[in-house]
Amino acid sequence: MSGGRKICMTDSAGRILFSIPDGGIIRMLYGNGEDYFAVCRYLDEAHAEIDGVRCAVQEFARRMEQNRISYAPA
């Protein structure tokens, strides 16, 4: 984990849910009870690399809500 940078994970409306350090891990819980862990890398205040995919944090939240996948710090 590097330099004290934090990734602020939000919901699709941009409200902060939690933050994790650069290089931190989130747990995604699917409706069928399965879970998945993803490493998150800080890119800038609004973007992160989640499981190797660069995206806007708010767009990630929208996709998770749309697919009914919850997520939290691991």
N, C-alpha and C. Protein backbone atom coordinates (compact mmCIF):
# COMPACT_ATOMS: atom_id res chain seq x y z
N MET A 1 0.85 -1.17 0.00
CA MET A 1 0.00 0.00 0.00
C MET A 1 0.89 1.22 0.00
N SER A 2 0.46 2.24 -0.74
CA SER A 2 1.39 3.34 -0.92
C SER A 2 0.88 4.67 -0.42
N GLY A 3 1.76 5.44 0.15
CA GLY A 3 1.67 6.83 0.45
C GLY A 3 0.44 7.40 1.11
N GLY A 4 -0.36 6.65 1.80
CA GLY A 4 -1.48 7.20 2.51
C GLY A 4 -2.66 7.62 1.64
N ARG A 5 -2.64 7.32 0.35
CA ARG A 5 -3.77 7.67 -0.51
C ARG A 5 -4.94 6.76 -0.19
N LYS A 6 -6.13 7.35 -0.20
CA LYS A 6 -7.35 6.60 0.10
C LYS A 6 -8.29 6.63 -1.10
N ILE A 7 -8.95 5.51 -1.32
CA ILE A 7 -9.98 5.41 -2.35
C ILE A 7 -11.31 5.54 -1.63
N CYS A 8 -12.08 6.56 -1.98
CA CYS A 8 -13.40 6.77 -1.38
C CYS A 8 -14.43 6.06 -2.25
N MET A 9 -14.96 4.98 -1.73
CA MET A 9 -15.98 4.23 -2.45
C MET A 9 -17.32 4.89 -2.17
N THR A 10 -18.09 5.13 -3.23
CA THR A 10 -19.36 5.82 -3.13
C THR A 10 -20.50 4.95 -3.63
N ASP A 11 -21.71 5.46 -3.42
CA ASP A 11 -22.85 4.84 -4.09
C ASP A 11 -23.02 5.55 -5.43
N SER A 12 -24.03 5.20 -6.20
CA SER A 12 -24.18 5.76 -7.54
C SER A 12 -24.54 7.25 -7.52
N ALA A 13 -25.00 7.76 -6.38
CA ALA A 13 -25.31 9.18 -6.25
C ALA A 13 -24.10 9.98 -5.78
N GLY A 14 -22.99 9.30 -5.54
CA GLY A 14 -21.77 9.98 -5.12
C GLY A 14 -21.59 10.11 -3.62
N ARG A 15 -22.49 9.53 -2.82
CA ARG A 15 -22.35 9.57 -1.36
C ARG A 15 -21.28 8.58 -0.93
N ILE A 16 -20.35 9.03 -0.11
CA ILE A 16 -19.25 8.16 0.34
C ILE A 16 -19.79 7.07 1.27
N LEU A 17 -19.44 5.84 0.95
CA LEU A 17 -19.84 4.69 1.77
C LEU A 17 -18.73 4.31 2.74
N PHE A 18 -17.50 4.25 2.23
CA PHE A 18 -16.33 3.91 3.03
C PHE A 18 -15.09 4.25 2.22
N SER A 19 -13.95 4.21 2.86
CA SER A 19 -12.70 4.41 2.13
C SER A 19 -11.75 3.27 2.46
N ILE A 20 -10.90 2.98 1.51
CA ILE A 20 -9.87 1.95 1.69
C ILE A 20 -8.54 2.53 1.24
N PRO A 21 -7.46 2.02 1.78
CA PRO A 21 -6.15 2.52 1.34
C PRO A 21 -5.81 2.04 -0.06
N ASP A 22 -4.94 2.77 -0.73
CA ASP A 22 -4.43 2.35 -2.03
C ASP A 22 -3.85 0.94 -1.87
N GLY A 23 -4.28 0.02 -2.70
CA GLY A 23 -3.85 -1.37 -2.60
C GLY A 23 -4.73 -2.20 -1.70
N GLY A 24 -5.78 -1.58 -1.15
CA GLY A 24 -6.71 -2.29 -0.28
C GLY A 24 -7.60 -3.24 -1.06
N ILE A 25 -8.37 -4.00 -0.33
CA ILE A 25 -9.21 -5.04 -0.93
C ILE A 25 -10.67 -4.81 -0.55
N ILE A 26 -11.55 -4.99 -1.54
CA ILE A 26 -12.98 -4.99 -1.26
C ILE A 26 -13.52 -6.40 -1.46
N ARG A 27 -14.59 -6.68 -0.72
CA ARG A 27 -15.30 -7.95 -0.86
C ARG A 27 -16.62 -7.65 -1.54
N MET A 28 -16.89 -8.34 -2.61
CA MET A 28 -18.15 -8.19 -3.33
C MET A 28 -19.00 -9.42 -3.05
N LEU A 29 -20.23 -9.19 -2.63
CA LEU A 29 -21.13 -10.28 -2.28
C LEU A 29 -22.27 -10.34 -3.28
N TYR A 30 -22.36 -11.46 -3.95
CA TYR A 30 -23.38 -11.68 -4.98
C TYR A 30 -24.66 -12.23 -4.34
N GLY A 31 -25.78 -12.04 -5.01
CA GLY A 31 -27.08 -12.47 -4.50
C GLY A 31 -27.18 -13.96 -4.23
N ASN A 32 -26.36 -14.76 -4.91
CA ASN A 32 -26.42 -16.21 -4.72
C ASN A 32 -25.55 -16.68 -3.55
N GLY A 33 -24.99 -15.72 -2.80
CA GLY A 33 -24.18 -16.06 -1.63
C GLY A 33 -22.68 -16.16 -1.91
N GLU A 34 -22.30 -16.16 -3.18
CA GLU A 34 -20.88 -16.21 -3.51
C GLU A 34 -20.25 -14.85 -3.25
N ASP A 35 -18.96 -14.86 -2.95
CA ASP A 35 -18.26 -13.60 -2.79
C ASP A 35 -16.97 -13.61 -3.59
N TYR A 36 -16.44 -12.42 -3.78
CA TYR A 36 -15.25 -12.24 -4.60
C TYR A 36 -14.45 -11.10 -3.98
N PHE A 37 -13.14 -11.22 -3.97
CA PHE A 37 -12.28 -10.20 -3.42
C PHE A 37 -11.50 -9.53 -4.54
N ALA A 38 -11.43 -8.20 -4.50
CA ALA A 38 -10.76 -7.45 -5.56
C ALA A 38 -9.79 -6.43 -4.95
N VAL A 39 -8.59 -6.37 -5.51
CA VAL A 39 -7.60 -5.37 -5.12
C VAL A 39 -7.94 -4.05 -5.80
N CYS A 40 -7.83 -2.96 -5.06
CA CYS A 40 -8.15 -1.63 -5.58
C CYS A 40 -6.92 -0.73 -5.53
N ARG A 41 -6.66 -0.06 -6.63
CA ARG A 41 -5.52 0.87 -6.73
C ARG A 41 -6.05 2.27 -6.99
N TYR A 42 -5.49 3.23 -6.29
CA TYR A 42 -5.85 4.64 -6.44
C TYR A 42 -5.34 5.16 -7.78
N LEU A 43 -6.19 5.86 -8.53
CA LEU A 43 -5.77 6.55 -9.75
C LEU A 43 -5.86 8.06 -9.54
N ASP A 44 -7.02 8.52 -9.10
CA ASP A 44 -7.21 9.92 -8.69
C ASP A 44 -8.45 9.95 -7.80
N GLU A 45 -8.90 11.13 -7.41
CA GLU A 45 -10.02 11.23 -6.46
C GLU A 45 -11.28 10.52 -6.93
N ALA A 46 -11.50 10.47 -8.22
CA ALA A 46 -12.75 9.90 -8.74
C ALA A 46 -12.58 8.56 -9.45
N HIS A 47 -11.34 8.09 -9.60
CA HIS A 47 -11.08 6.87 -10.37
C HIS A 47 -10.20 5.90 -9.61
N ALA A 48 -10.42 4.64 -9.86
CA ALA A 48 -9.62 3.58 -9.25
C ALA A 48 -9.48 2.43 -10.24
N GLU A 49 -8.49 1.62 -9.99
CA GLU A 49 -8.35 0.37 -10.73
C GLU A 49 -8.85 -0.72 -9.79
N ILE A 50 -9.94 -1.35 -10.16
CA ILE A 50 -10.57 -2.36 -9.33
C ILE A 50 -10.45 -3.70 -10.04
N ASP A 51 -9.70 -4.59 -9.43
CA ASP A 51 -9.44 -5.91 -10.01
C ASP A 51 -8.85 -5.77 -11.41
N GLY A 52 -7.95 -4.78 -11.58
CA GLY A 52 -7.25 -4.59 -12.85
C GLY A 52 -8.00 -3.78 -13.88
N VAL A 53 -9.22 -3.33 -13.57
CA VAL A 53 -10.02 -2.56 -14.51
C VAL A 53 -10.11 -1.12 -14.02
N ARG A 54 -9.70 -0.17 -14.87
CA ARG A 54 -9.77 1.25 -14.52
C ARG A 54 -11.19 1.74 -14.71
N CYS A 55 -11.71 2.44 -13.70
CA CYS A 55 -13.08 2.95 -13.81
C CYS A 55 -13.30 4.12 -12.87
N ALA A 56 -14.37 4.86 -13.14
CA ALA A 56 -14.82 5.89 -12.22
C ALA A 56 -15.51 5.18 -11.06
N VAL A 57 -15.22 5.60 -9.85
CA VAL A 57 -15.77 4.95 -8.67
C VAL A 57 -17.30 5.00 -8.69
N GLN A 58 -17.87 6.12 -9.10
CA GLN A 58 -19.32 6.25 -9.14
C GLN A 58 -19.94 5.33 -10.20
N GLU A 59 -19.26 5.14 -11.31
CA GLU A 59 -19.75 4.22 -12.34
C GLU A 59 -19.68 2.77 -11.85
N PHE A 60 -18.62 2.44 -11.13
CA PHE A 60 -18.51 1.10 -10.53
C PHE A 60 -19.70 0.87 -9.60
N ALA A 61 -20.02 1.87 -8.77
CA ALA A 61 -21.15 1.76 -7.85
C ALA A 61 -22.46 1.54 -8.61
N ARG A 62 -22.65 2.28 -9.70
CA ARG A 62 -23.86 2.13 -10.51
C ARG A 62 -23.99 0.71 -11.03
N ARG A 63 -22.88 0.17 -11.54
CA ARG A 63 -22.91 -1.22 -12.07
C ARG A 63 -23.20 -2.22 -10.96
N MET A 64 -22.61 -2.01 -9.79
CA MET A 64 -22.84 -2.94 -8.68
C MET A 64 -24.31 -2.89 -8.25
N GLU A 65 -24.87 -1.68 -8.15
CA GLU A 65 -26.28 -1.55 -7.79
C GLU A 65 -27.18 -2.21 -8.84
N GLN A 66 -26.87 -1.98 -10.10
CA GLN A 66 -27.66 -2.54 -11.19
C GLN A 66 -27.64 -4.08 -11.15
N ASN A 67 -26.51 -4.65 -10.78
CA ASN A 67 -26.37 -6.10 -10.74
C ASN A 67 -26.64 -6.69 -9.35
N ARG A 68 -27.09 -5.82 -8.43
CA ARG A 68 -27.42 -6.26 -7.06
C ARG A 68 -26.25 -6.93 -6.36
N ILE A 69 -25.10 -6.33 -6.50
CA ILE A 69 -23.88 -6.83 -5.84
C ILE A 69 -23.51 -5.82 -4.77
N SER A 70 -23.40 -6.28 -3.53
CA SER A 70 -22.98 -5.38 -2.46
C SER A 70 -21.47 -5.49 -2.30
N TYR A 71 -20.87 -4.44 -1.74
CA TYR A 71 -19.42 -4.46 -1.55
C TYR A 71 -19.05 -3.70 -0.29
N ALA A 72 -17.95 -4.12 0.30
CA ALA A 72 -17.49 -3.56 1.57
C ALA A 72 -15.99 -3.78 1.67
N PRO A 73 -15.32 -3.08 2.57
CA PRO A 73 -13.90 -3.34 2.76
C PRO A 73 -13.70 -4.77 3.25
N ALA A 74 -12.64 -5.39 2.81
CA ALA A 74 -12.35 -6.77 3.24
C ALA A 74 -11.40 -6.76 4.42
